[in-house]
Amino acid sequence: MNSIAERWIGSCRCEATDRTLITGQRHLHLVVNEYAQHYNQHRPHRSLGQRPPGRLTTPEPCLASDKAAISRRDRLGGLIHEYKQVA
């Protein structure tokens, strides 16, 4: 479990907290919670078949076609972008 925790902490630091000026404990709590939601509900994991941990029961994502519309959602004030294929 220690290696899993260290990997998550390293990802959180690299992708979120190192790129944000944290102004206090409440702000840090908000940033870490927002990143945890992104990590568990959207971010693809290679070892899980490009699925996030929170969606393991869903089928593997299909490849986007050239004519597919893509929507973008910004997280953490635009620091992280989430993309989703629009039906």
PDB file of N, CA and C in Angstrom:
ATOM      1  N   MET A   1       0.814  -1.188   0.000  1.00  0.00           N
ATOM      2  CA  MET A   1       0.000   0.000   0.000  1.00  0.00           C
ATOM      3  C   MET A   1       0.863   1.259   0.000  1.00  0.00           C
ATOM      4  N   ASN A   2       2.034   1.197   0.560  1.00  0.00           N
ATOM      5  CA  ASN A   2       2.878   2.374   0.612  1.00  0.00           C
ATOM      6  C   ASN A   2       3.244   2.860  -0.786  1.00  0.00           C
ATOM      7  N   SER A   3       3.533   1.941  -1.699  1.00  0.00           N
ATOM      8  CA  SER A   3       3.904   2.356  -3.054  1.00  0.00           C
ATOM      9  C   SER A   3       2.718   2.999  -3.775  1.00  0.00           C
ATOM     10  N   ILE A   4       1.515   2.508  -3.528  1.00  0.00           N
ATOM     11  CA  ILE A   4       0.319   3.099  -4.135  1.00  0.00           C
ATOM     12  C   ILE A   4       0.099   4.512  -3.606  1.00  0.00           C
ATOM     13  N   ALA A   5       0.250   4.695  -2.303  1.00  0.00           N
ATOM     14  CA  ALA A   5       0.085   6.019  -1.702  1.00  0.00           C
ATOM     15  C   ALA A   5       1.152   6.979  -2.209  1.00  0.00           C
ATOM     16  N   GLU A   6       2.387   6.499  -2.310  1.00  0.00           N
ATOM     17  CA  GLU A   6       3.451   7.361  -2.806  1.00  0.00           C
ATOM     18  C   GLU A   6       3.219   7.762  -4.259  1.00  0.00           C
ATOM     19  N   ARG A   7       2.694   6.857  -5.072  1.00  0.00           N
ATOM     20  CA  ARG A   7       2.388   7.172  -6.474  1.00  0.00           C
ATOM     21  C   ARG A   7       1.307   8.233  -6.565  1.00  0.00           C
ATOM     22  N   TRP A   8       0.257   8.101  -5.745  1.00  0.00           N
ATOM     23  CA  TRP A   8      -0.834   9.073  -5.773  1.00  0.00           C
ATOM     24  C   TRP A   8      -0.346  10.438  -5.304  1.00  0.00           C
ATOM     25  N   ILE A   9       0.427  10.460  -4.245  1.00  0.00           N
ATOM     26  CA  ILE A   9       0.945  11.730  -3.730  1.00  0.00           C
ATOM     27  C   ILE A   9       1.858  12.383  -4.772  1.00  0.00           C
ATOM     28  N   GLY A  10       2.698  11.591  -5.419  1.00  0.00           N
ATOM     29  CA  GLY A  10       3.567  12.134  -6.467  1.00  0.00           C
ATOM     30  C   GLY A  10       2.769  12.707  -7.624  1.00  0.00           C
ATOM     31  N   SER A  11       1.717  12.012  -8.042  1.00  0.00           N
ATOM     32  CA  SER A  11       0.863  12.513  -9.127  1.00  0.00           C
ATOM     33  C   SER A  11       0.165  13.797  -8.717  1.00  0.00           C
ATOM     34  N   CYS A  12      -0.354  13.829  -7.507  1.00  0.00           N
ATOM     35  CA  CYS A  12      -1.055  15.028  -7.020  1.00  0.00           C
ATOM     36  C   CYS A  12      -0.106  16.224  -6.961  1.00  0.00           C
ATOM     37  N   ARG A  13       1.090  16.005  -6.468  1.00  0.00           N
ATOM     38  CA  ARG A  13       2.056  17.097  -6.397  1.00  0.00           C
ATOM     39  C   ARG A  13       2.457  17.576  -7.780  1.00  0.00           C
ATOM     40  N   CYS A  14       2.756  16.637  -8.673  1.00  0.00           N
ATOM     41  CA  CYS A  14       3.233  16.988 -10.009  1.00  0.00           C
ATOM     42  C   CYS A  14       2.165  17.693 -10.835  1.00  0.00           C
ATOM     43  N   GLU A  15       0.926  17.221 -10.769  1.00  0.00           N
ATOM     44  CA  GLU A  15      -0.132  17.727 -11.631  1.00  0.00           C
ATOM     45  C   GLU A  15      -0.951  18.861 -11.014  1.00  0.00           C
ATOM     46  N   ALA A  16      -0.925  19.014  -9.700  1.00  0.00           N
ATOM     47  CA  ALA A  16      -1.811  20.014  -9.085  1.00  0.00           C
ATOM     48  C   ALA A  16      -1.095  20.972  -8.139  1.00  0.00           C
ATOM     49  N   THR A  17      -0.581  20.476  -7.038  1.00  0.00           N
ATOM     50  CA  THR A  17      -0.102  21.396  -6.003  1.00  0.00           C
ATOM     51  C   THR A  17       1.190  22.116  -6.363  1.00  0.00           C
ATOM     52  N   ASP A  18       2.065  21.507  -7.165  1.00  0.00           N
ATOM     53  CA  ASP A  18       3.297  22.199  -7.560  1.00  0.00           C
ATOM     54  C   ASP A  18       3.034  23.333  -8.551  1.00  0.00           C
ATOM     55  N   ARG A  19       1.869  23.318  -9.196  1.00  0.00           N
ATOM     56  CA  ARG A  19       1.543  24.329 -10.200  1.00  0.00           C
ATOM     57  C   ARG A  19       0.554  25.371  -9.687  1.00  0.00           C
ATOM     58  N   THR A  20       0.215  25.295  -8.415  1.00  0.00           N
ATOM     59  CA  THR A  20      -0.779  26.194  -7.835  1.00  0.00           C
ATOM     60  C   THR A  20      -0.186  26.880  -6.617  1.00  0.00           C
ATOM     61  N   LEU A  21      -0.425  28.173  -6.487  1.00  0.00           N
ATOM     62  CA  LEU A  21      -0.009  28.889  -5.292  1.00  0.00           C
ATOM     63  C   LEU A  21      -1.063  28.644  -4.220  1.00  0.00           C
ATOM     64  N   ILE A  22      -0.731  27.832  -3.235  1.00  0.00           N
ATOM     65  CA  ILE A  22      -1.657  27.482  -2.158  1.00  0.00           C
ATOM     66  C   ILE A  22      -1.620  28.592  -1.122  1.00  0.00           C
ATOM     67  N   THR A  23      -2.795  29.132  -0.798  1.00  0.00           N
ATOM     68  CA  THR A  23      -2.859  30.287   0.099  1.00  0.00           C
ATOM     69  C   THR A  23      -3.246  29.939   1.531  1.00  0.00           C
ATOM     70  N   GLY A  24      -3.578  28.695   1.788  1.00  0.00           N
ATOM     71  CA  GLY A  24      -3.931  28.311   3.145  1.00  0.00           C
ATOM     72  C   GLY A  24      -4.395  26.867   3.195  1.00  0.00           C
ATOM     73  N   GLN A  25      -4.708  26.416   4.399  1.00  0.00           N
ATOM     74  CA  GLN A  25      -5.106  25.031   4.587  1.00  0.00           C
ATOM     75  C   GLN A  25      -6.422  24.721   3.878  1.00  0.00           C
ATOM     76  N   ARG A  26      -7.372  25.635   3.920  1.00  0.00           N
ATOM     77  CA  ARG A  26      -8.655  25.417   3.251  1.00  0.00           C
ATOM     78  C   ARG A  26      -8.470  25.320   1.735  1.00  0.00           C
ATOM     79  N   HIS A  27      -7.633  26.183   1.185  1.00  0.00           N
ATOM     80  CA  HIS A  27      -7.366  26.159  -0.249  1.00  0.00           C
ATOM     81  C   HIS A  27      -6.684  24.846  -0.641  1.00  0.00           C
ATOM     82  N   LEU A  28      -5.718  24.389   0.155  1.00  0.00           N
ATOM     83  CA  LEU A  28      -5.054  23.121  -0.108  1.00  0.00           C
ATOM     84  C   LEU A  28      -6.059  21.977  -0.093  1.00  0.00           C
ATOM     85  N   HIS A  29      -6.960  21.986   0.866  1.00  0.00           N
ATOM     86  CA  HIS A  29      -7.988  20.950   0.970  1.00  0.00           C
ATOM     87  C   HIS A  29      -8.872  20.943  -0.278  1.00  0.00           C
ATOM     88  N   LEU A  30      -9.257  22.111  -0.763  1.00  0.00           N
ATOM     89  CA  LEU A  30     -10.087  22.197  -1.966  1.00  0.00           C
ATOM     90  C   LEU A  30      -9.347  21.679  -3.200  1.00  0.00           C
ATOM     91  N   VAL A  31      -8.081  22.043  -3.345  1.00  0.00           N
ATOM     92  CA  VAL A  31      -7.289  21.618  -4.499  1.00  0.00           C
ATOM     93  C   VAL A  31      -7.095  20.101  -4.492  1.00  0.00           C
ATOM     94  N   VAL A  32      -6.760  19.531  -3.342  1.00  0.00           N
ATOM     95  CA  VAL A  32      -6.536  18.088  -3.254  1.00  0.00           C
ATOM     96  C   VAL A  32      -7.834  17.324  -3.488  1.00  0.00           C
ATOM     97  N   ASN A  33      -8.955  17.804  -2.962  1.00  0.00           N
ATOM     98  CA  ASN A  33     -10.241  17.141  -3.205  1.00  0.00           C
ATOM     99  C   ASN A  33     -10.630  17.183  -4.674  1.00  0.00           C
ATOM    100  N   GLU A  34     -10.422  18.316  -5.326  1.00  0.00           N
ATOM    101  CA  GLU A  34     -10.737  18.437  -6.751  1.00  0.00           C
ATOM    102  C   GLU A  34      -9.857  17.496  -7.577  1.00  0.00           C
ATOM    103  N   TYR A  35      -8.574  17.411  -7.236  1.00  0.00           N
ATOM    104  CA  TYR A  35      -7.686  16.508  -7.956  1.00  0.00           C
ATOM    105  C   TYR A  35      -8.075  15.052  -7.707  1.00  0.00           C
ATOM    106  N   ALA A  36      -8.452  14.709  -6.487  1.00  0.00           N
ATOM    107  CA  ALA A  36      -8.865  13.337  -6.172  1.00  0.00           C
ATOM    108  C   ALA A  36     -10.103  12.942  -6.979  1.00  0.00           C
ATOM    109  N   GLN A  37     -11.049  13.868  -7.150  1.00  0.00           N
ATOM    110  CA  GLN A  37     -12.226  13.578  -7.975  1.00  0.00           C
ATOM    111  C   GLN A  37     -11.799  13.332  -9.422  1.00  0.00           C
ATOM    112  N   HIS A  38     -10.929  14.158  -9.943  1.00  0.00           N
ATOM    113  CA  HIS A  38     -10.431  13.982 -11.309  1.00  0.00           C
ATOM    114  C   HIS A  38      -9.706  12.645 -11.449  1.00  0.00           C
ATOM    115  N   TYR A  39      -8.860  12.312 -10.489  1.00  0.00           N
ATOM    116  CA  TYR A  39      -8.050  11.092 -10.537  1.00  0.00           C
ATOM    117  C   TYR A  39      -8.920   9.840 -10.491  1.00  0.00           C
ATOM    118  N   ASN A  40      -9.955   9.846  -9.668  1.00  0.00           N
ATOM    119  CA  ASN A  40     -10.785   8.659  -9.469  1.00  0.00           C
ATOM    120  C   ASN A  40     -11.960   8.543 -10.424  1.00  0.00           C
ATOM    121  N   GLN A  41     -12.408   9.655 -11.012  1.00  0.00           N
ATOM    122  CA  GLN A  41     -13.612   9.607 -11.833  1.00  0.00           C
ATOM    123  C   GLN A  41     -13.371   9.870 -13.313  1.00  0.00           C
ATOM    124  N   HIS A  42     -12.217  10.420 -13.689  1.00  0.00           N
ATOM    125  CA  HIS A  42     -12.019  10.747 -15.101  1.00  0.00           C
ATOM    126  C   HIS A  42     -10.671  10.278 -15.658  1.00  0.00           C
ATOM    127  N   ARG A  43      -9.610  10.486 -14.950  1.00  0.00           N
ATOM    128  CA  ARG A  43      -8.264  10.227 -15.469  1.00  0.00           C
ATOM    129  C   ARG A  43      -8.099   8.756 -15.847  1.00  0.00           C
ATOM    130  N   PRO A  44      -7.707   8.467 -17.108  1.00  0.00           N
ATOM    131  CA  PRO A  44      -7.545   7.070 -17.519  1.00  0.00           C
ATOM    132  C   PRO A  44      -6.291   6.452 -16.900  1.00  0.00           C
ATOM    133  N   HIS A  45      -6.403   5.195 -16.531  1.00  0.00           N
ATOM    134  CA  HIS A  45      -5.292   4.448 -15.961  1.00  0.00           C
ATOM    135  C   HIS A  45      -4.940   3.312 -16.910  1.00  0.00           C
ATOM    136  N   ARG A  46      -3.692   3.241 -17.315  1.00  0.00           N
ATOM    137  CA  ARG A  46      -3.256   2.254 -18.295  1.00  0.00           C
ATOM    138  C   ARG A  46      -3.517   0.823 -17.806  1.00  0.00           C
ATOM    139  N   SER A  47      -3.252   0.556 -16.539  1.00  0.00           N
ATOM    140  CA  SER A  47      -3.417  -0.807 -16.025  1.00  0.00           C
ATOM    141  C   SER A  47      -4.880  -1.217 -15.907  1.00  0.00           C
ATOM    142  N   LEU A  48      -5.804  -0.271 -16.014  1.00  0.00           N
ATOM    143  CA  LEU A  48      -7.238  -0.568 -15.907  1.00  0.00           C
ATOM    144  C   LEU A  48      -7.928  -0.499 -17.264  1.00  0.00           C
ATOM    145  N   GLY A  49      -7.197  -0.628 -18.337  1.00  0.00           N
ATOM    146  CA  GLY A  49      -7.792  -0.592 -19.668  1.00  0.00           C
ATOM    147  C   GLY A  49      -8.268   0.792 -20.052  1.00  0.00           C
ATOM    148  N   GLN A  50      -7.531   1.821 -19.669  1.00  0.00           N
ATOM    149  CA  GLN A  50      -7.851   3.229 -19.943  1.00  0.00           C
ATOM    150  C   GLN A  50      -9.161   3.670 -19.294  1.00  0.00           C
ATOM    151  N   ARG A  51      -9.527   3.012 -18.194  1.00  0.00           N
ATOM    152  CA  ARG A  51     -10.716   3.419 -17.436  1.00  0.00           C
ATOM    153  C   ARG A  51     -10.275   3.990 -16.102  1.00  0.00           C
ATOM    154  N   PRO A  52     -11.018   4.952 -15.554  1.00  0.00           N
ATOM    155  CA  PRO A  52     -10.708   5.454 -14.216  1.00  0.00           C
ATOM    156  C   PRO A  52     -11.143   4.450 -13.158  1.00  0.00           C
ATOM    157  N   PRO A  53     -10.564   4.499 -11.959  1.00  0.00           N
ATOM    158  CA  PRO A  53     -10.922   3.542 -10.915  1.00  0.00           C
ATOM    159  C   PRO A  53     -12.400   3.571 -10.533  1.00  0.00           C
ATOM    160  N   GLY A  54     -13.042   4.720 -10.612  1.00  0.00           N
ATOM    161  CA  GLY A  54     -14.445   4.831 -10.230  1.00  0.00           C
ATOM    162  C   GLY A  54     -15.400   4.260 -11.261  1.00  0.00           C
ATOM    163  N   ARG A  55     -14.921   3.876 -12.435  1.00  0.00           N
ATOM    164  CA  ARG A  55     -15.794   3.388 -13.507  1.00  0.00           C
ATOM    165  C   ARG A  55     -15.318   2.045 -14.059  1.00  0.00           C
ATOM    166  N   LEU A  56     -14.937   1.147 -13.193  1.00  0.00           N
ATOM    167  CA  LEU A  56     -14.427  -0.141 -13.643  1.00  0.00           C
ATOM    168  C   LEU A  56     -15.508  -1.026 -14.245  1.00  0.00           C
ATOM    169  N   THR A  57     -16.774  -0.787 -13.930  1.00  0.00           N
ATOM    170  CA  THR A  57     -17.842  -1.621 -14.462  1.00  0.00           C
ATOM    171  C   THR A  57     -18.273  -1.201 -15.865  1.00  0.00           C
ATOM    172  N   THR A  58     -17.851  -0.023 -16.316  1.00  0.00           N
ATOM    173  CA  THR A  58     -18.208   0.431 -17.661  1.00  0.00           C
ATOM    174  C   THR A  58     -17.301  -0.245 -18.683  1.00  0.00           C
ATOM    175  N   PRO A  59     -17.768  -0.428 -19.916  1.00  0.00           N
ATOM    176  CA  PRO A  59     -16.919  -1.049 -20.936  1.00  0.00           C
ATOM    177  C   PRO A  59     -15.744  -0.149 -21.295  1.00  0.00           C
ATOM    178  N   GLU A  60     -14.759  -0.739 -21.944  1.00  0.00           N
ATOM    179  CA  GLU A  60     -13.588   0.041 -22.354  1.00  0.00           C
ATOM    180  C   GLU A  60     -14.014   1.140 -23.314  1.00  0.00           C
ATOM    181  N   PRO A  61     -13.383   2.315 -23.238  1.00  0.00           N
ATOM    182  CA  PRO A  61     -13.785   3.430 -24.096  1.00  0.00           C
ATOM    183  C   PRO A  61     -13.532   3.130 -25.572  1.00  0.00           C
ATOM    184  N   CYS A  62     -14.433   3.626 -26.404  1.00  0.00           N
ATOM    185  CA  CYS A  62     -14.258   3.441 -27.841  1.00  0.00           C
ATOM    186  C   CYS A  62     -13.373   4.559 -28.392  1.00  0.00           C
ATOM    187  N   LEU A  63     -12.792   4.300 -29.538  1.00  0.00           N
ATOM    188  CA  LEU A  63     -11.939   5.300 -30.178  1.00  0.00           C
ATOM    189  C   LEU A  63     -12.801   6.365 -30.837  1.00  0.00           C
ATOM    190  N   ALA A  64     -12.353   7.603 -30.753  1.00  0.00           N
ATOM    191  CA  ALA A  64     -13.095   8.706 -31.354  1.00  0.00           C
ATOM    192  C   ALA A  64     -12.895   8.700 -32.868  1.00  0.00           C
ATOM    193  N   SER A  65     -13.965   8.970 -33.585  1.00  0.00           N
ATOM    194  CA  SER A  65     -13.860   9.069 -35.044  1.00  0.00           C
ATOM    195  C   SER A  65     -13.526  10.507 -35.431  1.00  0.00           C
ATOM    196  N   ASP A  66     -13.250  10.716 -36.697  1.00  0.00           N
ATOM    197  CA  ASP A  66     -12.898  12.052 -37.172  1.00  0.00           C
ATOM    198  C   ASP A  66     -14.059  13.026 -37.051  1.00  0.00           C
ATOM    199  N   LYS A  67     -15.287  12.525 -37.113  1.00  0.00           N
ATOM    200  CA  LYS A  67     -16.457  13.396 -37.098  1.00  0.00           C
ATOM    201  C   LYS A  67     -17.072  13.541 -35.714  1.00  0.00           C
ATOM    202  N   ALA A  68     -16.476  12.938 -34.696  1.00  0.00           N
ATOM    203  CA  ALA A  68     -17.023  13.001 -33.348  1.00  0.00           C
ATOM    204  C   ALA A  68     -16.770  14.377 -32.731  1.00  0.00           C
ATOM    205  N   ALA A  69     -17.774  14.877 -32.050  1.00  0.00           N
ATOM    206  CA  ALA A  69     -17.621  16.150 -31.341  1.00  0.00           C
ATOM    207  C   ALA A  69     -17.027  15.871 -29.962  1.00  0.00           C
ATOM    208  N   ILE A  70     -16.099  16.704 -29.558  1.00  0.00           N
ATOM    209  CA  ILE A  70     -15.415  16.553 -28.281  1.00  0.00           C
ATOM    210  C   ILE A  70     -15.715  17.778 -27.430  1.00  0.00           C
ATOM    211  N   SER A  71     -16.098  17.540 -26.158  1.00  0.00           N
ATOM    212  CA  SER A  71     -16.306  18.667 -25.239  1.00  0.00           C
ATOM    213  C   SER A  71     -15.175  18.671 -24.216  1.00  0.00           C
ATOM    214  N   ARG A  72     -14.808  19.856 -23.750  1.00  0.00           N
ATOM    215  CA  ARG A  72     -13.725  20.009 -22.788  1.00  0.00           C
ATOM    216  C   ARG A  72     -14.259  20.641 -21.516  1.00  0.00           C
ATOM    217  N   ARG A  73     -13.826  20.104 -20.385  1.00  0.00           N
ATOM    218  CA  ARG A  73     -14.192  20.654 -19.080  1.00  0.00           C
ATOM    219  C   ARG A  73     -12.905  21.004 -18.346  1.00  0.00           C
ATOM    220  N   ASP A  74     -12.811  22.217 -17.854  1.00  0.00           N
ATOM    221  CA  ASP A  74     -11.628  22.652 -17.117  1.00  0.00           C
ATOM    222  C   ASP A  74     -11.814  22.376 -15.631  1.00  0.00           C
ATOM    223  N   ARG A  75     -10.754  21.870 -14.991  1.00  0.00           N
ATOM    224  CA  ARG A  75     -10.748  21.631 -13.551  1.00  0.00           C
ATOM    225  C   ARG A  75      -9.579  22.399 -12.960  1.00  0.00           C
ATOM    226  N   LEU A  76      -9.708  22.759 -11.723  1.00  0.00           N
ATOM    227  CA  LEU A  76      -8.679  23.516 -11.002  1.00  0.00           C
ATOM    228  C   LEU A  76      -8.319  24.801 -11.732  1.00  0.00           C
ATOM    229  N   GLY A  77      -9.326  25.521 -12.185  1.00  0.00           N
ATOM    230  CA  GLY A  77      -9.108  26.800 -12.834  1.00  0.00           C
ATOM    231  C   GLY A  77      -8.411  26.705 -14.170  1.00  0.00           C
ATOM    232  N   GLY A  78      -8.578  25.596 -14.876  1.00  0.00           N
ATOM    233  CA  GLY A  78      -7.957  25.415 -16.173  1.00  0.00           C
ATOM    234  C   GLY A  78      -6.623  24.690 -16.130  1.00  0.00           C
ATOM    235  N   LEU A  79      -6.181  24.285 -14.955  1.00  0.00           N
ATOM    236  CA  LEU A  79      -4.919  23.561 -14.818  1.00  0.00           C
ATOM    237  C   LEU A  79      -5.024  22.154 -15.402  1.00  0.00           C
ATOM    238  N   ILE A  80      -6.186  21.543 -15.224  1.00  0.00           N
ATOM    239  CA  ILE A  80      -6.439  20.198 -15.745  1.00  0.00           C
ATOM    240  C   ILE A  80      -7.620  20.284 -16.694  1.00  0.00           C
ATOM    241  N   HIS A  81      -7.509  19.638 -17.838  1.00  0.00           N
ATOM    242  CA  HIS A  81      -8.593  19.605 -18.822  1.00  0.00           C
ATOM    243  C   HIS A  81      -9.109  18.178 -18.937  1.00  0.00           C
ATOM    244  N   GLU A  82     -10.420  18.036 -18.922  1.00  0.00           N
ATOM    245  CA  GLU A  82     -11.063  16.743 -19.124  1.00  0.00           C
ATOM    246  C   GLU A  82     -11.810  16.776 -20.445  1.00  0.00           C
ATOM    247  N   TYR A  83     -11.614  15.772 -21.264  1.00  0.00           N
ATOM    248  CA  TYR A  83     -12.241  15.700 -22.575  1.00  0.00           C
ATOM    249  C   TYR A  83     -13.219  14.532 -22.605  1.00  0.00           C
ATOM    250  N   LYS A  84     -14.353  14.750 -23.284  1.00  0.00           N
ATOM    251  CA  LYS A  84     -15.358  13.708 -23.401  1.00  0.00           C
ATOM    252  C   LYS A  84     -15.974  13.766 -24.786  1.00  0.00           C
ATOM    253  N   GLN A  85     -16.203  12.596 -25.358  1.00  0.00           N
ATOM    254  CA  GLN A  85     -16.828  12.526 -26.666  1.00  0.00           C
ATOM    255  C   GLN A  85     -18.318  12.768 -26.505  1.00  0.00           C
ATOM    256  N   VAL A  86     -18.853  13.691 -27.303  1.00  0.00           N
ATOM    257  CA  VAL A  86     -20.262  14.041 -27.252  1.00  0.00           C
ATOM    258  C   VAL A  86     -21.008  13.159 -28.238  1.00  0.00           C
ATOM    259  N   ALA A  87     -22.117  12.583 -27.782  1.00  0.00           N
ATOM    260  CA  ALA A  87     -22.889  11.683 -28.649  1.00  0.00           C
ATOM    261  C   ALA A  87     -23.644  12.435 -29.697  1.00  0.00           C
TER     262      ALA A  87
END
